[in-house]
């Protein structure tokens, strides 16, 4: 179903691969931080929607949850073709 990740509940730690399924909407509020475990990703399935619009003063941050983050720690956001 539809879900909103609120700044008040941030940060969100993604420890398993996550998928936004067809017909579902994930809305991420400005100011939210998402940290991903090594090798994990967020997939937006065909027909799924990711709404993530930050502001100049409240960015949405997608990062590694490693104590020493490095490029490639997590697999990114994948938009599946329909």
PDB file of N, CA and C in Angstrom:
ATOM      1  N   UNK A   1       0.810  -1.185   0.000  1.00  0.00           N
ATOM      2  CA  UNK A   1       0.000   0.000   0.000  1.00  0.00           C
ATOM      3  C   UNK A   1       0.852   1.246   0.000  1.00  0.00           C
ATOM      4  N   UNK A   2       0.201   2.358   0.141  1.00  0.00           N
ATOM      5  CA  UNK A   2       0.879   3.650   0.149  1.00  0.00           C
ATOM      6  C   UNK A   2       1.458   3.924   1.525  1.00  0.00           C
ATOM      7  N   UNK A   3       2.670   4.498   1.537  1.00  0.00           N
ATOM      8  CA  UNK A   3       3.382   4.755   2.783  1.00  0.00           C
ATOM      9  C   UNK A   3       4.076   6.102   2.690  1.00  0.00           C
ATOM     10  N   UNK A   4       4.144   6.807   3.827  1.00  0.00           N
ATOM     11  CA  UNK A   4       4.916   8.042   3.914  1.00  0.00           C
ATOM     12  C   UNK A   4       5.959   7.881   4.994  1.00  0.00           C
ATOM     13  N   UNK A   5       7.221   8.161   4.641  1.00  0.00           N
ATOM     14  CA  UNK A   5       8.298   8.149   5.622  1.00  0.00           C
ATOM     15  C   UNK A   5       8.498   9.577   6.094  1.00  0.00           C
ATOM     16  N   UNK A   6       8.260   9.788   7.392  1.00  0.00           N
ATOM     17  CA  UNK A   6       8.251  11.118   7.984  1.00  0.00           C
ATOM     18  C   UNK A   6       9.617  11.504   8.533  1.00  0.00           C
ATOM     19  N   UNK A   7       9.934  12.801   8.443  1.00  0.00           N
ATOM     20  CA  UNK A   7      11.172  13.315   9.004  1.00  0.00           C
ATOM     21  C   UNK A   7      11.260  13.004  10.500  1.00  0.00           C
ATOM     22  N   UNK A   8      10.137  13.066  11.190  1.00  0.00           N
ATOM     23  CA  UNK A   8      10.107  12.819  12.635  1.00  0.00           C
ATOM     24  C   UNK A   8      10.572  11.402  12.981  1.00  0.00           C
ATOM     25  N   UNK A   9      10.455  10.459  12.043  1.00  0.00           N
ATOM     26  CA  UNK A   9      10.863   9.074  12.281  1.00  0.00           C
ATOM     27  C   UNK A   9      12.235   8.747  11.686  1.00  0.00           C
ATOM     28  N   UNK A  10      12.883   9.732  11.111  1.00  0.00           N
ATOM     29  CA  UNK A  10      14.167   9.555  10.439  1.00  0.00           C
ATOM     30  C   UNK A  10      15.300   9.470  11.459  1.00  0.00           C
ATOM     31  N   UNK A  11      16.362   8.733  11.190  1.00  0.00           N
ATOM     32  CA  UNK A  11      16.716   8.105   9.929  1.00  0.00           C
ATOM     33  C   UNK A  11      16.059   6.734   9.769  1.00  0.00           C
ATOM     34  N   UNK A  12      15.951   6.300   8.522  1.00  0.00           N
ATOM     35  CA  UNK A  12      15.460   4.970   8.170  1.00  0.00           C
ATOM     36  C   UNK A  12      16.650   4.139   7.723  1.00  0.00           C
ATOM     37  N   UNK A  13      16.806   2.960   8.290  1.00  0.00           N
ATOM     38  CA  UNK A  13      17.910   2.072   7.941  1.00  0.00           C
ATOM     39  C   UNK A  13      17.358   0.918   7.113  1.00  0.00           C
ATOM     40  N   UNK A  14      17.836   0.804   5.881  1.00  0.00           N
ATOM     41  CA  UNK A  14      17.390  -0.246   4.977  1.00  0.00           C
ATOM     42  C   UNK A  14      18.360  -1.421   5.120  1.00  0.00           C
ATOM     43  N   UNK A  15      17.927  -2.483   5.790  1.00  0.00           N
ATOM     44  CA  UNK A  15      18.815  -3.625   6.057  1.00  0.00           C
ATOM     45  C   UNK A  15      18.579  -4.791   5.099  1.00  0.00           C
ATOM     46  N   UNK A  16      17.464  -4.789   4.388  1.00  0.00           N
ATOM     47  CA  UNK A  16      17.161  -5.771   3.354  1.00  0.00           C
ATOM     48  C   UNK A  16      16.761  -5.013   2.106  1.00  0.00           C
ATOM     49  N   UNK A  17      16.857  -5.638   0.957  1.00  0.00           N
ATOM     50  CA  UNK A  17      16.393  -4.990  -0.264  1.00  0.00           C
ATOM     51  C   UNK A  17      14.916  -4.634  -0.101  1.00  0.00           C
ATOM     52  N   UNK A  18      14.549  -3.455  -0.583  1.00  0.00           N
ATOM     53  CA  UNK A  18      13.173  -2.978  -0.459  1.00  0.00           C
ATOM     54  C   UNK A  18      12.598  -2.736  -1.849  1.00  0.00           C
ATOM     55  N   UNK A  19      11.297  -2.976  -2.004  1.00  0.00           N
ATOM     56  CA  UNK A  19      10.636  -2.786  -3.292  1.00  0.00           C
ATOM     57  C   UNK A  19       9.341  -2.010  -3.106  1.00  0.00           C
ATOM     58  N   UNK A  20       9.149  -1.032  -3.963  1.00  0.00           N
ATOM     59  CA  UNK A  20       7.860  -0.337  -4.064  1.00  0.00           C
ATOM     60  C   UNK A  20       7.102  -1.068  -5.163  1.00  0.00           C
ATOM     61  N   UNK A  21       6.058  -1.761  -4.787  1.00  0.00           N
ATOM     62  CA  UNK A  21       5.348  -2.622  -5.728  1.00  0.00           C
ATOM     63  C   UNK A  21       4.422  -1.831  -6.645  1.00  0.00           C
ATOM     64  N   UNK A  22       3.985  -2.466  -7.715  1.00  0.00           N
ATOM     65  CA  UNK A  22       3.067  -1.854  -8.666  1.00  0.00           C
ATOM     66  C   UNK A  22       1.808  -1.366  -7.948  1.00  0.00           C
ATOM     67  N   UNK A  23       1.440  -0.132  -8.196  1.00  0.00           N
ATOM     68  CA  UNK A  23       0.255   0.454  -7.584  1.00  0.00           C
ATOM     69  C   UNK A  23       0.510   1.120  -6.249  1.00  0.00           C
ATOM     70  N   UNK A  24       1.693   0.931  -5.673  1.00  0.00           N
ATOM     71  CA  UNK A  24       2.023   1.519  -4.365  1.00  0.00           C
ATOM     72  C   UNK A  24       2.815   2.807  -4.556  1.00  0.00           C
ATOM     73  N   UNK A  25       2.681   3.708  -3.574  1.00  0.00           N
ATOM     74  CA  UNK A  25       3.403   4.979  -3.579  1.00  0.00           C
ATOM     75  C   UNK A  25       4.171   5.092  -2.272  1.00  0.00           C
ATOM     76  N   UNK A  26       5.483   5.342  -2.376  1.00  0.00           N
ATOM     77  CA  UNK A  26       6.292   5.674  -1.208  1.00  0.00           C
ATOM     78  C   UNK A  26       6.612   7.148  -1.293  1.00  0.00           C
ATOM     79  N   UNK A  27       6.157   7.911  -0.315  1.00  0.00           N
ATOM     80  CA  UNK A  27       6.442   9.347  -0.231  1.00  0.00           C
ATOM     81  C   UNK A  27       7.466   9.548   0.873  1.00  0.00           C
ATOM     82  N   UNK A  28       8.535  10.265   0.553  1.00  0.00           N
ATOM     83  CA  UNK A  28       9.584  10.551   1.522  1.00  0.00           C
ATOM     84  C   UNK A  28       9.606  12.051   1.762  1.00  0.00           C
ATOM     85  N   UNK A  29       9.403  12.455   3.006  1.00  0.00           N
ATOM     86  CA  UNK A  29       9.350  13.872   3.359  1.00  0.00           C
ATOM     87  C   UNK A  29      10.724  14.534   3.270  1.00  0.00           C
ATOM     88  N   UNK A  30      10.747  15.844   3.015  1.00  0.00           N
ATOM     89  CA  UNK A  30      12.008  16.577   3.076  1.00  0.00           C
ATOM     90  C   UNK A  30      12.653  16.400   4.449  1.00  0.00           C
ATOM     91  N   UNK A  31      13.990  16.285   4.465  1.00  0.00           N
ATOM     92  CA  UNK A  31      14.725  16.144   5.711  1.00  0.00           C
ATOM     93  C   UNK A  31      14.975  14.714   6.140  1.00  0.00           C
ATOM     94  N   UNK A  32      14.395  13.736   5.441  1.00  0.00           N
ATOM     95  CA  UNK A  32      14.564  12.326   5.800  1.00  0.00           C
ATOM     96  C   UNK A  32      15.948  11.845   5.361  1.00  0.00           C
ATOM     97  N   UNK A  33      16.544  10.986   6.191  1.00  0.00           N
ATOM     98  CA  UNK A  33      17.803  10.313   5.860  1.00  0.00           C
ATOM     99  C   UNK A  33      17.518   8.822   5.735  1.00  0.00           C
ATOM    100  N   UNK A  34      17.935   8.225   4.616  1.00  0.00           N
ATOM    101  CA  UNK A  34      17.844   6.778   4.412  1.00  0.00           C
ATOM    102  C   UNK A  34      19.258   6.248   4.339  1.00  0.00           C
ATOM    103  N   UNK A  35      19.587   5.302   5.211  1.00  0.00           N
ATOM    104  CA  UNK A  35      20.908   4.679   5.170  1.00  0.00           C
ATOM    105  C   UNK A  35      20.734   3.210   4.824  1.00  0.00           C
ATOM    106  N   UNK A  36      21.567   2.735   3.899  1.00  0.00           N
ATOM    107  CA  UNK A  36      21.448   1.386   3.355  1.00  0.00           C
ATOM    108  C   UNK A  36      22.593   0.518   3.836  1.00  0.00           C
ATOM    109  N   UNK A  37      22.284  -0.719   4.235  1.00  0.00           N
ATOM    110  CA  UNK A  37      23.307  -1.702   4.548  1.00  0.00           C
ATOM    111  C   UNK A  37      24.034  -2.092   3.266  1.00  0.00           C
ATOM    112  N   UNK A  38      25.221  -2.656   3.421  1.00  0.00           N
ATOM    113  CA  UNK A  38      26.048  -3.044   2.280  1.00  0.00           C
ATOM    114  C   UNK A  38      25.290  -3.940   1.311  1.00  0.00           C
ATOM    115  N   UNK A  39      25.364  -3.610   0.034  1.00  0.00           N
ATOM    116  CA  UNK A  39      24.758  -4.431  -1.001  1.00  0.00           C
ATOM    117  C   UNK A  39      23.258  -4.325  -1.125  1.00  0.00           C
ATOM    118  N   UNK A  40      22.618  -3.443  -0.399  1.00  0.00           N
ATOM    119  CA  UNK A  40      21.153  -3.319  -0.426  1.00  0.00           C
ATOM    120  C   UNK A  40      20.713  -2.248  -1.410  1.00  0.00           C
ATOM    121  N   UNK A  41      19.440  -2.309  -1.814  1.00  0.00           N
ATOM    122  CA  UNK A  41      18.910  -1.360  -2.786  1.00  0.00           C
ATOM    123  C   UNK A  41      17.423  -1.114  -2.537  1.00  0.00           C
ATOM    124  N   UNK A  42      16.925  -0.092  -3.196  1.00  0.00           N
ATOM    125  CA  UNK A  42      15.498   0.211  -3.230  1.00  0.00           C
ATOM    126  C   UNK A  42      15.082   0.089  -4.686  1.00  0.00           C
ATOM    127  N   UNK A  43      14.115  -0.799  -4.964  1.00  0.00           N
ATOM    128  CA  UNK A  43      13.624  -0.994  -6.320  1.00  0.00           C
ATOM    129  C   UNK A  43      12.226  -0.411  -6.435  1.00  0.00           C
ATOM    130  N   UNK A  44      12.011   0.357  -7.495  1.00  0.00           N
ATOM    131  CA  UNK A  44      10.680   0.872  -7.817  1.00  0.00           C
ATOM    132  C   UNK A  44      10.178   0.014  -8.978  1.00  0.00           C
ATOM    133  N   UNK A  45       9.252  -0.882  -8.681  1.00  0.00           N
ATOM    134  CA  UNK A  45       8.709  -1.791  -9.698  1.00  0.00           C
ATOM    135  C   UNK A  45       7.894  -1.006 -10.715  1.00  0.00           C
ATOM    136  N   UNK A  46       7.732  -1.592 -11.889  1.00  0.00           N
ATOM    137  CA  UNK A  46       6.886  -0.994 -12.906  1.00  0.00           C
ATOM    138  C   UNK A  46       5.502  -0.748 -12.311  1.00  0.00           C
ATOM    139  N   UNK A  47       5.005   0.479 -12.390  1.00  0.00           N
ATOM    140  CA  UNK A  47       3.711   0.826 -11.817  1.00  0.00           C
ATOM    141  C   UNK A  47       3.796   1.312 -10.380  1.00  0.00           C
ATOM    142  N   UNK A  48       4.979   1.241  -9.769  1.00  0.00           N
ATOM    143  CA  UNK A  48       5.195   1.795  -8.428  1.00  0.00           C
ATOM    144  C   UNK A  48       5.643   3.242  -8.544  1.00  0.00           C
ATOM    145  N   UNK A  49       5.516   3.995  -7.452  1.00  0.00           N
ATOM    146  CA  UNK A  49       5.866   5.416  -7.477  1.00  0.00           C
ATOM    147  C   UNK A  49       6.699   5.788  -6.266  1.00  0.00           C
ATOM    148  N   UNK A  50       7.792   6.489  -6.523  1.00  0.00           N
ATOM    149  CA  UNK A  50       8.621   7.062  -5.469  1.00  0.00           C
ATOM    150  C   UNK A  50       8.480   8.570  -5.548  1.00  0.00           C
ATOM    151  N   UNK A  51       7.966   9.174  -4.469  1.00  0.00           N
ATOM    152  CA  UNK A  51       7.821  10.634  -4.372  1.00  0.00           C
ATOM    153  C   UNK A  51       8.820  11.113  -3.321  1.00  0.00           C
ATOM    154  N   UNK A  52       9.916  11.706  -3.771  1.00  0.00           N
ATOM    155  CA  UNK A  52      10.961  12.171  -2.859  1.00  0.00           C
ATOM    156  C   UNK A  52      11.413  13.540  -3.327  1.00  0.00           C
ATOM    157  N   UNK A  53      10.854  14.586  -2.722  1.00  0.00           N
ATOM    158  CA  UNK A  53      11.170  15.946  -3.129  1.00  0.00           C
ATOM    159  C   UNK A  53      11.637  16.709  -1.902  1.00  0.00           C
ATOM    160  N   UNK A  54      12.942  16.946  -1.841  1.00  0.00           N
ATOM    161  CA  UNK A  54      13.495  17.731  -0.748  1.00  0.00           C
ATOM    162  C   UNK A  54      13.400  19.213  -1.061  1.00  0.00           C
ATOM    163  N   UNK A  55      13.962  20.005  -0.156  1.00  0.00           N
ATOM    164  CA  UNK A  55      14.020  21.449  -0.366  1.00  0.00           C
ATOM    165  C   UNK A  55      15.474  21.889  -0.209  1.00  0.00           C
ATOM    166  N   UNK A  56      15.746  23.156  -0.483  1.00  0.00           N
ATOM    167  CA  UNK A  56      17.110  23.674  -0.356  1.00  0.00           C
ATOM    168  C   UNK A  56      17.618  23.571   1.079  1.00  0.00           C
ATOM    169  N   UNK A  57      16.721  23.640   2.046  1.00  0.00           N
ATOM    170  CA  UNK A  57      17.133  23.591   3.454  1.00  0.00           C
ATOM    171  C   UNK A  57      16.857  22.242   4.120  1.00  0.00           C
ATOM    172  N   UNK A  58      16.066  21.392   3.479  1.00  0.00           N
ATOM    173  CA  UNK A  58      15.759  20.062   4.016  1.00  0.00           C
ATOM    174  C   UNK A  58      15.908  19.034   2.901  1.00  0.00           C
ATOM    175  N   UNK A  59      17.150  18.604   2.716  1.00  0.00           N
ATOM    176  CA  UNK A  59      17.449  17.615   1.688  1.00  0.00           C
ATOM    177  C   UNK A  59      16.940  16.237   2.096  1.00  0.00           C
ATOM    178  N   UNK A  60      16.764  15.361   1.127  1.00  0.00           N
ATOM    179  CA  UNK A  60      16.546  13.943   1.390  1.00  0.00           C
ATOM    180  C   UNK A  60      17.878  13.274   1.088  1.00  0.00           C
ATOM    181  N   UNK A  61      18.402  12.543   2.069  1.00  0.00           N
ATOM    182  CA  UNK A  61      19.730  11.961   1.936  1.00  0.00           C
ATOM    183  C   UNK A  61      19.638  10.450   1.816  1.00  0.00           C
ATOM    184  N   UNK A  62      20.262   9.911   0.773  1.00  0.00           N
ATOM    185  CA  UNK A  62      20.389   8.477   0.560  1.00  0.00           C
ATOM    186  C   UNK A  62      21.871   8.161   0.747  1.00  0.00           C
ATOM    187  N   UNK A  63      22.206   7.304   1.723  1.00  0.00           N
ATOM    188  CA  UNK A  63      23.602   7.075   2.055  1.00  0.00           C
ATOM    189  C   UNK A  63      23.837   5.660   2.554  1.00  0.00           C
ATOM    190  N   UNK A  64      25.088   5.335   2.773  1.00  0.00           N
ATOM    191  CA  UNK A  64      25.479   4.070   3.368  1.00  0.00           C
ATOM    192  C   UNK A  64      25.314   4.145   4.880  1.00  0.00           C
ATOM    193  N   UNK A  65      25.005   3.009   5.518  1.00  0.00           N
ATOM    194  CA  UNK A  65      24.959   3.027   6.980  1.00  0.00           C
ATOM    195  C   UNK A  65      26.255   2.481   7.585  1.00  0.00           C
ATOM    196  N   UNK A  66      27.298   2.389   6.758  1.00  0.00           N
ATOM    197  CA  UNK A  66      28.607   1.969   7.230  1.00  0.00           C
ATOM    198  C   UNK A  66      29.225   3.053   8.120  1.00  0.00           C
ATOM    199  N   UNK A  67      30.007   2.638   9.100  1.00  0.00           N
ATOM    200  CA  UNK A  67      30.717   3.612   9.949  1.00  0.00           C
ATOM    201  C   UNK A  67      31.721   4.420   9.145  1.00  0.00           C
ATOM    202  N   UNK A  68      32.222   3.842   8.056  1.00  0.00           N
ATOM    203  CA  UNK A  68      33.143   4.536   7.151  1.00  0.00           C
ATOM    204  C   UNK A  68      32.588   4.402   5.737  1.00  0.00           C
ATOM    205  N   UNK A  69      31.603   5.242   5.386  1.00  0.00           N
ATOM    206  CA  UNK A  69      30.942   5.125   4.078  1.00  0.00           C
ATOM    207  C   UNK A  69      31.918   5.299   2.913  1.00  0.00           C
ATOM    208  N   UNK A  70      31.718   4.484   1.889  1.00  0.00           N
ATOM    209  CA  UNK A  70      32.492   4.558   0.654  1.00  0.00           C
ATOM    210  C   UNK A  70      31.551   4.418  -0.532  1.00  0.00           C
ATOM    211  N   UNK A  71      31.911   5.011  -1.671  1.00  0.00           N
ATOM    212  CA  UNK A  71      31.107   4.814  -2.873  1.00  0.00           C
ATOM    213  C   UNK A  71      30.946   3.321  -3.154  1.00  0.00           C
ATOM    214  N   UNK A  72      29.738   2.923  -3.511  1.00  0.00           N
ATOM    215  CA  UNK A  72      29.473   1.529  -3.842  1.00  0.00           C
ATOM    216  C   UNK A  72      29.108   0.644  -2.661  1.00  0.00           C
ATOM    217  N   UNK A  73      29.014   1.232  -1.451  1.00  0.00           N
ATOM    218  CA  UNK A  73      28.619   0.438  -0.277  1.00  0.00           C
ATOM    219  C   UNK A  73      27.239  -0.183  -0.458  1.00  0.00           C
ATOM    220  N   UNK A  74      26.323   0.563  -1.050  1.00  0.00           N
ATOM    221  CA  UNK A  74      24.965   0.059  -1.276  1.00  0.00           C
ATOM    222  C   UNK A  74      24.701   0.119  -2.772  1.00  0.00           C
ATOM    223  N   UNK A  75      23.673  -0.594  -3.230  1.00  0.00           N
ATOM    224  CA  UNK A  75      23.466  -0.775  -4.668  1.00  0.00           C
ATOM    225  C   UNK A  75      22.651   0.310  -5.351  1.00  0.00           C
ATOM    226  N   UNK A  76      22.021   1.205  -4.613  1.00  0.00           N
ATOM    227  CA  UNK A  76      21.319   2.319  -5.245  1.00  0.00           C
ATOM    228  C   UNK A  76      19.812   2.136  -5.339  1.00  0.00           C
ATOM    229  N   UNK A  77      19.230   2.996  -6.167  1.00  0.00           N
ATOM    230  CA  UNK A  77      17.788   2.975  -6.433  1.00  0.00           C
ATOM    231  C   UNK A  77      17.616   2.470  -7.852  1.00  0.00           C
ATOM    232  N   UNK A  78      16.790   1.446  -7.998  1.00  0.00           N
ATOM    233  CA  UNK A  78      16.595   0.788  -9.293  1.00  0.00           C
ATOM    234  C   UNK A  78      15.164   1.036  -9.743  1.00  0.00           C
ATOM    235  N   UNK A  79      15.006   1.571 -10.951  1.00  0.00           N
ATOM    236  CA  UNK A  79      13.689   1.771 -11.532  1.00  0.00           C
ATOM    237  C   UNK A  79      13.475   0.689 -12.580  1.00  0.00           C
ATOM    238  N   UNK A  80      12.577  -0.241 -12.285  1.00  0.00           N
ATOM    239  CA  UNK A  80      12.326  -1.380 -13.166  1.00  0.00           C
ATOM    240  C   UNK A  80      11.540  -0.930 -14.401  1.00  0.00           C
ATOM    241  N   UNK A  81      11.926  -1.446 -15.523  1.00  0.00           N
ATOM    242  CA  UNK A  81      11.220  -1.136 -16.774  1.00  0.00           C
ATOM    243  C   UNK A  81       9.911  -1.910 -16.830  1.00  0.00           C
ATOM    244  N   UNK A  82       8.925  -1.324 -17.435  1.00  0.00           N
ATOM    245  CA  UNK A  82       7.632  -1.973 -17.525  1.00  0.00           C
ATOM    246  C   UNK A  82       7.452  -2.586 -18.828  1.00  0.00           C
TER     247      UNK A  82
END
